[in-house]
Amino acid sequence: MVVFGTREVTSRRGTTAELDCVHAWTMRDGMAARIEDIFDTVVFHRLIES
């Protein structure tokens, strides 16, 4: 299962941004067995360094 979404991230200094993300879920026997959280790490690092 794949879920597209956004998340709001706030840096330690209080700067907030909305980042696009994708969650890729692996299901086994009807239960979540694994999740991969995919997002733009360059944008994320720029935010946390701001």
PDB file of N, CA and C in Angstrom:
ATOM      1  N   MET A   1       0.847  -1.151   0.000  1.00  0.00           N
ATOM      2  CA  MET A   1       0.000   0.000   0.000  1.00  0.00           C
ATOM      3  C   MET A   1       0.903   1.228   0.000  1.00  0.00           C
ATOM      4  N   VAL A   2       0.517   2.244  -0.756  1.00  0.00           N
ATOM      5  CA  VAL A   2       1.282   3.486  -0.825  1.00  0.00           C
ATOM      6  C   VAL A   2       0.355   4.642  -0.475  1.00  0.00           C
ATOM      7  N   VAL A   3       0.830   5.527   0.402  1.00  0.00           N
ATOM      8  CA  VAL A   3       0.048   6.688   0.833  1.00  0.00           C
ATOM      9  C   VAL A   3       0.846   7.947   0.522  1.00  0.00           C
ATOM     10  N   PHE A   4       0.235   8.891  -0.197  1.00  0.00           N
ATOM     11  CA  PHE A   4       0.853  10.176  -0.486  1.00  0.00           C
ATOM     12  C   PHE A   4       0.281  11.203   0.475  1.00  0.00           C
ATOM     13  N   GLY A   5       1.153  12.060   1.023  1.00  0.00           N
ATOM     14  CA  GLY A   5       0.654  13.043   1.961  1.00  0.00           C
ATOM     15  C   GLY A   5       1.629  14.180   2.184  1.00  0.00           C
ATOM     16  N   THR A   6       1.346  14.955   3.203  1.00  0.00           N
ATOM     17  CA  THR A   6       2.228  16.046   3.606  1.00  0.00           C
ATOM     18  C   THR A   6       2.408  15.976   5.116  1.00  0.00           C
ATOM     19  N   ARG A   7       3.472  16.584   5.571  1.00  0.00           N
ATOM     20  CA  ARG A   7       3.694  16.672   7.010  1.00  0.00           C
ATOM     21  C   ARG A   7       4.223  18.066   7.313  1.00  0.00           C
ATOM     22  N   GLU A   8       3.857  18.543   8.471  1.00  0.00           N
ATOM     23  CA  GLU A   8       4.338  19.841   8.921  1.00  0.00           C
ATOM     24  C   GLU A   8       5.534  19.612   9.836  1.00  0.00           C
ATOM     25  N   VAL A   9       6.651  20.245   9.490  1.00  0.00           N
ATOM     26  CA  VAL A   9       7.891  20.079  10.241  1.00  0.00           C
ATOM     27  C   VAL A   9       8.321  21.439  10.771  1.00  0.00           C
ATOM     28  N   THR A  10       8.735  21.483  12.030  1.00  0.00           N
ATOM     29  CA  THR A  10       9.187  22.727  12.660  1.00  0.00           C
ATOM     30  C   THR A  10      10.628  22.560  13.129  1.00  0.00           C
ATOM     31  N   SER A  11      11.474  23.527  12.758  1.00  0.00           N
ATOM     32  CA  SER A  11      12.868  23.490  13.179  1.00  0.00           C
ATOM     33  C   SER A  11      12.973  23.908  14.639  1.00  0.00           C
ATOM     34  N   ARG A  12      14.136  23.713  15.224  1.00  0.00           N
ATOM     35  CA  ARG A  12      14.348  24.107  16.623  1.00  0.00           C
ATOM     36  C   ARG A  12      14.164  25.608  16.833  1.00  0.00           C
ATOM     37  N   ARG A  13      14.402  26.381  15.797  1.00  0.00           N
ATOM     38  CA  ARG A  13      14.260  27.846  15.898  1.00  0.00           C
ATOM     39  C   ARG A  13      12.840  28.323  15.608  1.00  0.00           C
ATOM     40  N   GLY A  14      11.949  27.388  15.297  1.00  0.00           N
ATOM     41  CA  GLY A  14      10.550  27.754  15.110  1.00  0.00           C
ATOM     42  C   GLY A  14      10.106  27.941  13.675  1.00  0.00           C
ATOM     43  N   THR A  15      10.991  27.717  12.701  1.00  0.00           N
ATOM     44  CA  THR A  15      10.611  27.812  11.298  1.00  0.00           C
ATOM     45  C   THR A  15       9.803  26.568  10.931  1.00  0.00           C
ATOM     46  N   THR A  16       8.640  26.775  10.316  1.00  0.00           N
ATOM     47  CA  THR A  16       7.755  25.663   9.972  1.00  0.00           C
ATOM     48  C   THR A  16       7.575  25.583   8.468  1.00  0.00           C
ATOM     49  N   ALA A  17       7.543  24.360   7.947  1.00  0.00           N
ATOM     50  CA  ALA A  17       7.297  24.132   6.523  1.00  0.00           C
ATOM     51  C   ALA A  17       6.476  22.864   6.365  1.00  0.00           C
ATOM     52  N   GLU A  18       5.743  22.798   5.256  1.00  0.00           N
ATOM     53  CA  GLU A  18       4.972  21.608   4.923  1.00  0.00           C
ATOM     54  C   GLU A  18       5.739  20.835   3.854  1.00  0.00           C
ATOM     55  N   LEU A  19       6.056  19.572   4.134  1.00  0.00           N
ATOM     56  CA  LEU A  19       6.840  18.752   3.218  1.00  0.00           C
ATOM     57  C   LEU A  19       5.981  17.620   2.657  1.00  0.00           C
ATOM     58  N   ASP A  20       6.149  17.350   1.366  1.00  0.00           N
ATOM     59  CA  ASP A  20       5.487  16.197   0.749  1.00  0.00           C
ATOM     60  C   ASP A  20       6.161  14.928   1.254  1.00  0.00           C
ATOM     61  N   CYS A  21       5.393  13.853   1.375  1.00  0.00           N
ATOM     62  CA  CYS A  21       5.953  12.583   1.806  1.00  0.00           C
ATOM     63  C   CYS A  21       5.167  11.433   1.185  1.00  0.00           C
ATOM     64  N   VAL A  22       5.797  10.273   1.202  1.00  0.00           N
ATOM     65  CA  VAL A  22       5.175   9.040   0.729  1.00  0.00           C
ATOM     66  C   VAL A  22       5.436   7.978   1.786  1.00  0.00           C
ATOM     67  N   HIS A  23       4.425   7.239   2.156  1.00  0.00           N
ATOM     68  CA  HIS A  23       4.582   6.096   3.053  1.00  0.00           C
ATOM     69  C   HIS A  23       4.305   4.842   2.237  1.00  0.00           C
ATOM     70  N   ALA A  24       5.290   3.959   2.176  1.00  0.00           N
ATOM     71  CA  ALA A  24       5.134   2.688   1.472  1.00  0.00           C
ATOM     72  C   ALA A  24       5.024   1.588   2.525  1.00  0.00           C
ATOM     73  N   TRP A  25       3.855   0.980   2.598  1.00  0.00           N
ATOM     74  CA  TRP A  25       3.578  -0.047   3.608  1.00  0.00           C
ATOM     75  C   TRP A  25       3.697  -1.433   2.994  1.00  0.00           C
ATOM     76  N   THR A  26       4.334  -2.353   3.720  1.00  0.00           N
ATOM     77  CA  THR A  26       4.343  -3.765   3.368  1.00  0.00           C
ATOM     78  C   THR A  26       3.383  -4.464   4.320  1.00  0.00           C
ATOM     79  N   MET A  27       2.414  -5.161   3.745  1.00  0.00           N
ATOM     80  CA  MET A  27       1.404  -5.847   4.546  1.00  0.00           C
ATOM     81  C   MET A  27       1.642  -7.350   4.487  1.00  0.00           C
ATOM     82  N   ARG A  28       1.483  -8.023   5.628  1.00  0.00           N
ATOM     83  CA  ARG A  28       1.571  -9.486   5.693  1.00  0.00           C
ATOM     84  C   ARG A  28       0.420 -10.006   6.548  1.00  0.00           C
ATOM     85  N   ASP A  29      -0.324 -10.924   5.997  1.00  0.00           N
ATOM     86  CA  ASP A  29      -1.471 -11.514   6.705  1.00  0.00           C
ATOM     87  C   ASP A  29      -2.432 -10.443   7.222  1.00  0.00           C
ATOM     88  N   GLY A  30      -2.624  -9.394   6.415  1.00  0.00           N
ATOM     89  CA  GLY A  30      -3.565  -8.338   6.774  1.00  0.00           C
ATOM     90  C   GLY A  30      -3.062  -7.352   7.817  1.00  0.00           C
ATOM     91  N   MET A  31      -1.769  -7.442   8.161  1.00  0.00           N
ATOM     92  CA  MET A  31      -1.208  -6.538   9.175  1.00  0.00           C
ATOM     93  C   MET A  31       0.011  -5.823   8.605  1.00  0.00           C
ATOM     94  N   ALA A  32       0.252  -4.621   9.112  1.00  0.00           N
ATOM     95  CA  ALA A  32       1.424  -3.864   8.684  1.00  0.00           C
ATOM     96  C   ALA A  32       2.686  -4.554   9.190  1.00  0.00           C
ATOM     97  N   ALA A  33       3.600  -4.865   8.262  1.00  0.00           N
ATOM     98  CA  ALA A  33       4.845  -5.524   8.628  1.00  0.00           C
ATOM     99  C   ALA A  33       6.031  -4.579   8.504  1.00  0.00           C
ATOM    100  N   ARG A  34       5.892  -3.544   7.655  1.00  0.00           N
ATOM    101  CA  ARG A  34       6.998  -2.619   7.424  1.00  0.00           C
ATOM    102  C   ARG A  34       6.449  -1.335   6.839  1.00  0.00           C
ATOM    103  N   ILE A  35       7.088  -0.216   7.188  1.00  0.00           N
ATOM    104  CA  ILE A  35       6.768   1.061   6.560  1.00  0.00           C
ATOM    105  C   ILE A  35       8.062   1.744   6.159  1.00  0.00           C
ATOM    106  N   GLU A  36       8.042   2.319   4.962  1.00  0.00           N
ATOM    107  CA  GLU A  36       9.163   3.125   4.502  1.00  0.00           C
ATOM    108  C   GLU A  36       8.654   4.546   4.352  1.00  0.00           C
ATOM    109  N   ASP A  37       9.305   5.484   5.007  1.00  0.00           N
ATOM    110  CA  ASP A  37       8.920   6.898   5.002  1.00  0.00           C
ATOM    111  C   ASP A  37       9.845   7.621   4.022  1.00  0.00           C
ATOM    112  N   ILE A  38       9.283   8.126   2.930  1.00  0.00           N
ATOM    113  CA  ILE A  38      10.071   8.732   1.870  1.00  0.00           C
ATOM    114  C   ILE A  38       9.732  10.223   1.793  1.00  0.00           C
ATOM    115  N   PHE A  39      10.777  11.065   1.819  1.00  0.00           N
ATOM    116  CA  PHE A  39      10.572  12.506   1.715  1.00  0.00           C
ATOM    117  C   PHE A  39      11.829  13.151   1.173  1.00  0.00           C
ATOM    118  N   ASP A  40      11.742  14.420   0.808  1.00  0.00           N
ATOM    119  CA  ASP A  40      12.863  15.159   0.227  1.00  0.00           C
ATOM    120  C   ASP A  40      13.833  15.547   1.339  1.00  0.00           C
ATOM    121  N   THR A  41      14.935  14.827   1.446  1.00  0.00           N
ATOM    122  CA  THR A  41      15.878  15.076   2.539  1.00  0.00           C
ATOM    123  C   THR A  41      16.608  16.402   2.384  1.00  0.00           C
ATOM    124  N   VAL A  42      16.779  16.889   1.161  1.00  0.00           N
ATOM    125  CA  VAL A  42      17.445  18.178   0.963  1.00  0.00           C
ATOM    126  C   VAL A  42      16.594  19.294   1.573  1.00  0.00           C
ATOM    127  N   VAL A  43      15.297  19.296   1.278  1.00  0.00           N
ATOM    128  CA  VAL A  43      14.389  20.306   1.827  1.00  0.00           C
ATOM    129  C   VAL A  43      14.351  20.176   3.361  1.00  0.00           C
ATOM    130  N   PHE A  44      14.302  18.952   3.858  1.00  0.00           N
ATOM    131  CA  PHE A  44      14.264  18.717   5.302  1.00  0.00           C
ATOM    132  C   PHE A  44      15.515  19.279   5.983  1.00  0.00           C
ATOM    133  N   HIS A  45      16.685  19.013   5.436  1.00  0.00           N
ATOM    134  CA  HIS A  45      17.923  19.512   6.043  1.00  0.00           C
ATOM    135  C   HIS A  45      18.029  21.031   5.964  1.00  0.00           C
ATOM    136  N   ARG A  46      17.566  21.621   4.870  1.00  0.00           N
ATOM    137  CA  ARG A  46      17.539  23.087   4.797  1.00  0.00           C
ATOM    138  C   ARG A  46      16.667  23.672   5.883  1.00  0.00           C
ATOM    139  N   LEU A  47      15.533  23.027   6.145  1.00  0.00           N
ATOM    140  CA  LEU A  47      14.621  23.506   7.182  1.00  0.00           C
ATOM    141  C   LEU A  47      15.260  23.403   8.572  1.00  0.00           C
ATOM    142  N   ILE A  48      15.812  22.250   8.895  1.00  0.00           N
ATOM    143  CA  ILE A  48      16.336  22.093  10.249  1.00  0.00           C
ATOM    144  C   ILE A  48      17.593  22.925  10.481  1.00  0.00           C
ATOM    145  N   GLU A  49      18.267  23.326   9.401  1.00  0.00           N
ATOM    146  CA  GLU A  49      19.428  24.191   9.537  1.00  0.00           C
ATOM    147  C   GLU A  49      19.052  25.663   9.571  1.00  0.00           C
ATOM    148  N   SER A  50      17.792  25.997   9.292  1.00  0.00           N
ATOM    149  CA  SER A  50      17.360  27.407   9.248  1.00  0.00           C
ATOM    150  C   SER A  50      17.104  27.958  10.640  1.00  0.00           C
TER     151      SER A  50
END
